[in-house]
Amino acid sequence: MPYVRAGRPGLLGTLSRSAVVAGSARLTALAVDRAERRRAKAAYTAAEQAPDDVVAKIEQLVRLRDRGVLSDAEFQTAKALVLAV
């Protein structure tokens, strides 16, 4: 009949449990770090695209002013709003 240990887990059981906990903590830390880097990259990309978006909006306003849709005063007001954002 094989020997079956009863009671506490013993040295090997404690070491294996510690290894599992440490491994889980490491994986969680890596996942959090990956998520933070992904958010930072998305924020950087959004900030990088913002100036192009502002330029495109101002160019659109210039086209509208040139076609006579906007007066000079309306153009200046709309441009100030675009630049304020």
N, C-alpha and C. Protein backbone atom coordinates (compact mmCIF):
# COMPACT_ATOMS: atom_id res chain seq x y z
N MET A 1 0.84 -1.16 0.00
CA MET A 1 0.00 0.00 0.00
C MET A 1 0.90 1.25 0.00
N PRO A 2 0.61 2.23 -0.92
CA PRO A 2 1.46 3.42 -1.01
C PRO A 2 1.29 4.31 0.21
N TYR A 3 2.34 5.06 0.48
CA TYR A 3 2.33 5.96 1.61
C TYR A 3 1.57 7.23 1.24
N VAL A 4 0.59 7.59 2.00
CA VAL A 4 -0.20 8.80 1.78
C VAL A 4 0.03 9.74 2.95
N ARG A 5 0.50 10.90 2.66
CA ARG A 5 0.79 11.86 3.71
C ARG A 5 -0.50 12.59 4.09
N ALA A 6 -0.73 12.75 5.34
CA ALA A 6 -1.90 13.47 5.84
C ALA A 6 -1.44 14.71 6.58
N GLY A 7 -2.22 15.75 6.52
CA GLY A 7 -1.87 16.96 7.26
C GLY A 7 -1.37 18.05 6.35
N ARG A 8 -0.35 18.76 6.81
CA ARG A 8 0.19 19.88 6.05
C ARG A 8 0.84 19.43 4.76
N PRO A 9 1.03 20.39 3.80
CA PRO A 9 1.57 19.99 2.50
C PRO A 9 3.04 19.62 2.51
N GLY A 10 3.79 20.03 3.47
CA GLY A 10 5.21 19.69 3.51
C GLY A 10 6.03 20.65 2.67
N LEU A 11 7.32 20.36 2.59
CA LEU A 11 8.25 21.25 1.89
C LEU A 11 7.95 21.34 0.41
N LEU A 12 7.79 20.21 -0.27
CA LEU A 12 7.54 20.23 -1.72
C LEU A 12 6.20 20.89 -2.05
N GLY A 13 5.20 20.61 -1.25
CA GLY A 13 3.89 21.23 -1.48
C GLY A 13 3.94 22.73 -1.30
N THR A 14 4.67 23.18 -0.28
CA THR A 14 4.81 24.61 -0.04
C THR A 14 5.59 25.29 -1.16
N LEU A 15 6.68 24.66 -1.60
CA LEU A 15 7.47 25.22 -2.70
C LEU A 15 6.67 25.29 -3.99
N SER A 16 5.92 24.25 -4.28
CA SER A 16 5.15 24.26 -5.52
C SER A 16 4.04 25.32 -5.47
N ARG A 17 3.41 25.47 -4.31
CA ARG A 17 2.38 26.50 -4.17
C ARG A 17 3.00 27.88 -4.33
N SER A 18 4.18 28.09 -3.74
CA SER A 18 4.86 29.38 -3.87
C SER A 18 5.22 29.67 -5.32
N ALA A 19 5.65 28.65 -6.03
CA ALA A 19 6.00 28.84 -7.44
C ALA A 19 4.77 29.21 -8.26
N VAL A 20 3.65 28.61 -7.98
CA VAL A 20 2.42 28.92 -8.70
C VAL A 20 1.99 30.35 -8.42
N VAL A 21 2.05 30.75 -7.16
CA VAL A 21 1.66 32.12 -6.78
C VAL A 21 2.60 33.13 -7.43
N ALA A 22 3.91 32.86 -7.38
CA ALA A 22 4.88 33.78 -7.97
C ALA A 22 4.69 33.86 -9.48
N GLY A 23 4.43 32.74 -10.13
CA GLY A 23 4.20 32.73 -11.57
C GLY A 23 2.95 33.51 -11.94
N SER A 24 1.89 33.34 -11.16
CA SER A 24 0.65 34.07 -11.42
C SER A 24 0.86 35.57 -11.23
N ALA A 25 1.61 35.94 -10.20
CA ALA A 25 1.87 37.36 -9.96
C ALA A 25 2.68 37.95 -11.11
N ARG A 26 3.64 37.21 -11.61
CA ARG A 26 4.47 37.69 -12.72
C ARG A 26 3.63 37.87 -13.98
N LEU A 27 2.77 36.91 -14.27
CA LEU A 27 1.91 37.02 -15.45
C LEU A 27 0.96 38.20 -15.33
N THR A 28 0.43 38.42 -14.14
CA THR A 28 -0.46 39.56 -13.93
C THR A 28 0.29 40.87 -14.12
N ALA A 29 1.49 40.96 -13.59
CA ALA A 29 2.30 42.18 -13.75
C ALA A 29 2.62 42.43 -15.21
N LEU A 30 2.94 41.38 -15.96
CA LEU A 30 3.22 41.54 -17.39
C LEU A 30 1.98 42.00 -18.14
N ALA A 31 0.82 41.45 -17.80
CA ALA A 31 -0.42 41.84 -18.47
C ALA A 31 -0.76 43.30 -18.18
N VAL A 32 -0.56 43.74 -16.95
CA VAL A 32 -0.83 45.14 -16.60
C VAL A 32 0.13 46.05 -17.34
N ASP A 33 1.41 45.68 -17.40
CA ASP A 33 2.41 46.47 -18.11
C ASP A 33 2.06 46.57 -19.59
N ARG A 34 1.66 45.46 -20.19
CA ARG A 34 1.28 45.45 -21.61
C ARG A 34 0.09 46.37 -21.86
N ALA A 35 -0.90 46.33 -20.97
CA ALA A 35 -2.08 47.17 -21.12
C ALA A 35 -1.72 48.65 -20.99
N GLU A 36 -0.82 48.98 -20.05
CA GLU A 36 -0.39 50.36 -19.89
C GLU A 36 0.35 50.86 -21.12
N ARG A 37 1.23 50.01 -21.68
CA ARG A 37 1.94 50.40 -22.89
C ARG A 37 0.99 50.60 -24.06
N ARG A 38 -0.03 49.75 -24.16
CA ARG A 38 -1.01 49.87 -25.23
C ARG A 38 -1.80 51.18 -25.10
N ARG A 39 -2.21 51.52 -23.85
CA ARG A 39 -2.92 52.79 -23.63
C ARG A 39 -2.03 53.98 -23.94
N ALA A 40 -0.78 53.93 -23.52
CA ALA A 40 0.15 55.03 -23.78
C ALA A 40 0.37 55.20 -25.28
N LYS A 41 0.49 54.10 -26.00
CA LYS A 41 0.68 54.17 -27.45
C LYS A 41 -0.55 54.76 -28.12
N ALA A 42 -1.74 54.38 -27.66
CA ALA A 42 -2.98 54.92 -28.23
C ALA A 42 -3.07 56.42 -27.96
N ALA A 43 -2.71 56.84 -26.76
CA ALA A 43 -2.75 58.27 -26.44
C ALA A 43 -1.73 59.04 -27.27
N TYR A 44 -0.54 58.47 -27.45
CA TYR A 44 0.49 59.13 -28.25
C TYR A 44 0.04 59.24 -29.69
N THR A 45 -0.56 58.18 -30.22
CA THR A 45 -1.04 58.19 -31.60
C THR A 45 -2.14 59.22 -31.77
N ALA A 46 -3.05 59.31 -30.80
CA ALA A 46 -4.13 60.30 -30.88
C ALA A 46 -3.57 61.71 -30.82
N ALA A 47 -2.59 61.94 -29.97
CA ALA A 47 -1.98 63.26 -29.87
C ALA A 47 -1.21 63.61 -31.14
N GLU A 48 -0.63 62.60 -31.75
CA GLU A 48 0.12 62.80 -32.97
C GLU A 48 -0.80 63.18 -34.13
N GLN A 49 -2.02 62.63 -34.15
CA GLN A 49 -2.96 62.89 -35.23
C GLN A 49 -3.70 64.20 -35.05
N ALA A 50 -3.74 64.73 -33.85
CA ALA A 50 -4.52 65.93 -33.58
C ALA A 50 -4.09 67.12 -34.43
N PRO A 51 -2.79 67.44 -34.58
CA PRO A 51 -2.42 68.59 -35.40
C PRO A 51 -2.87 68.45 -36.86
N ASP A 52 -2.79 67.25 -37.41
CA ASP A 52 -3.25 67.04 -38.78
C ASP A 52 -4.74 67.31 -38.88
N ASP A 53 -5.48 66.91 -37.86
CA ASP A 53 -6.91 67.12 -37.85
C ASP A 53 -7.24 68.61 -37.81
N VAL A 54 -6.50 69.36 -37.01
CA VAL A 54 -6.71 70.81 -36.91
C VAL A 54 -6.42 71.47 -38.25
N VAL A 55 -5.33 71.07 -38.88
CA VAL A 55 -4.97 71.65 -40.19
C VAL A 55 -6.06 71.33 -41.21
N ALA A 56 -6.56 70.11 -41.20
CA ALA A 56 -7.61 69.73 -42.15
C ALA A 56 -8.88 70.55 -41.93
N LYS A 57 -9.23 70.79 -40.66
CA LYS A 57 -10.42 71.59 -40.38
C LYS A 57 -10.24 73.03 -40.84
N ILE A 58 -9.07 73.59 -40.62
CA ILE A 58 -8.83 74.97 -41.06
C ILE A 58 -8.84 75.05 -42.58
N GLU A 59 -8.27 74.06 -43.25
CA GLU A 59 -8.30 74.05 -44.71
C GLU A 59 -9.74 73.98 -45.22
N GLN A 60 -10.56 73.21 -44.55
CA GLN A 60 -11.97 73.12 -44.92
C GLN A 60 -12.66 74.48 -44.73
N LEU A 61 -12.35 75.16 -43.63
CA LEU A 61 -12.91 76.49 -43.41
C LEU A 61 -12.46 77.48 -44.48
N VAL A 62 -11.20 77.39 -44.91
CA VAL A 62 -10.69 78.27 -45.97
C VAL A 62 -11.47 78.02 -47.26
N ARG A 63 -11.69 76.76 -47.59
CA ARG A 63 -12.46 76.44 -48.81
C ARG A 63 -13.87 77.01 -48.73
N LEU A 64 -14.50 76.89 -47.54
CA LEU A 64 -15.85 77.43 -47.37
C LEU A 64 -15.84 78.95 -47.49
N ARG A 65 -14.83 79.60 -46.95
CA ARG A 65 -14.73 81.06 -47.07
C ARG A 65 -14.50 81.48 -48.52
N ASP A 66 -13.64 80.73 -49.22
CA ASP A 66 -13.35 81.06 -50.62
C ASP A 66 -14.57 80.89 -51.51
N ARG A 67 -15.44 79.95 -51.20
CA ARG A 67 -16.66 79.74 -51.97
C ARG A 67 -17.76 80.73 -51.61
N GLY A 68 -17.54 81.49 -50.53
CA GLY A 68 -18.53 82.47 -50.13
C GLY A 68 -19.55 81.95 -49.13
N VAL A 69 -19.36 80.73 -48.65
CA VAL A 69 -20.29 80.17 -47.67
C VAL A 69 -20.12 80.86 -46.32
N LEU A 70 -18.87 81.20 -45.98
CA LEU A 70 -18.58 81.88 -44.72
C LEU A 70 -18.07 83.29 -45.00
N SER A 71 -18.48 84.22 -44.16
CA SER A 71 -17.91 85.56 -44.24
C SER A 71 -16.56 85.55 -43.53
N ASP A 72 -15.83 86.66 -43.67
CA ASP A 72 -14.52 86.73 -43.00
C ASP A 72 -14.67 86.66 -41.48
N ALA A 73 -15.69 87.30 -40.95
CA ALA A 73 -15.92 87.27 -39.50
C ALA A 73 -16.28 85.86 -39.04
N GLU A 74 -17.14 85.17 -39.80
CA GLU A 74 -17.51 83.80 -39.46
C GLU A 74 -16.29 82.88 -39.54
N PHE A 75 -15.46 83.11 -40.56
CA PHE A 75 -14.24 82.31 -40.72
C PHE A 75 -13.32 82.49 -39.52
N GLN A 76 -13.10 83.74 -39.09
CA GLN A 76 -12.22 84.01 -37.95
C GLN A 76 -12.77 83.37 -36.67
N THR A 77 -14.08 83.44 -36.49
CA THR A 77 -14.70 82.85 -35.30
C THR A 77 -14.55 81.33 -35.32
N ALA A 78 -14.83 80.71 -36.46
CA ALA A 78 -14.72 79.25 -36.57
C ALA A 78 -13.27 78.80 -36.41
N LYS A 79 -12.33 79.57 -36.98
CA LYS A 79 -10.91 79.21 -36.85
C LYS A 79 -10.47 79.31 -35.39
N ALA A 80 -10.94 80.33 -34.68
CA ALA A 80 -10.60 80.47 -33.26
C ALA A 80 -11.14 79.30 -32.46
N LEU A 81 -12.34 78.83 -32.80
CA LEU A 81 -12.91 77.66 -32.10
C LEU A 81 -12.10 76.40 -32.37
N VAL A 82 -11.67 76.23 -33.61
CA VAL A 82 -10.87 75.04 -33.97
C VAL A 82 -9.54 75.07 -33.23
N LEU A 83 -8.90 76.23 -33.21
CA LEU A 83 -7.60 76.33 -32.55
C LEU A 83 -7.70 76.24 -31.03
N ALA A 84 -8.84 76.59 -30.48
CA ALA A 84 -9.02 76.52 -29.02
C ALA A 84 -9.16 75.10 -28.53
N VAL A 85 -9.59 74.20 -29.37
CA VAL A 85 -9.81 72.81 -28.96
C VAL A 85 -8.58 72.05 -28.99
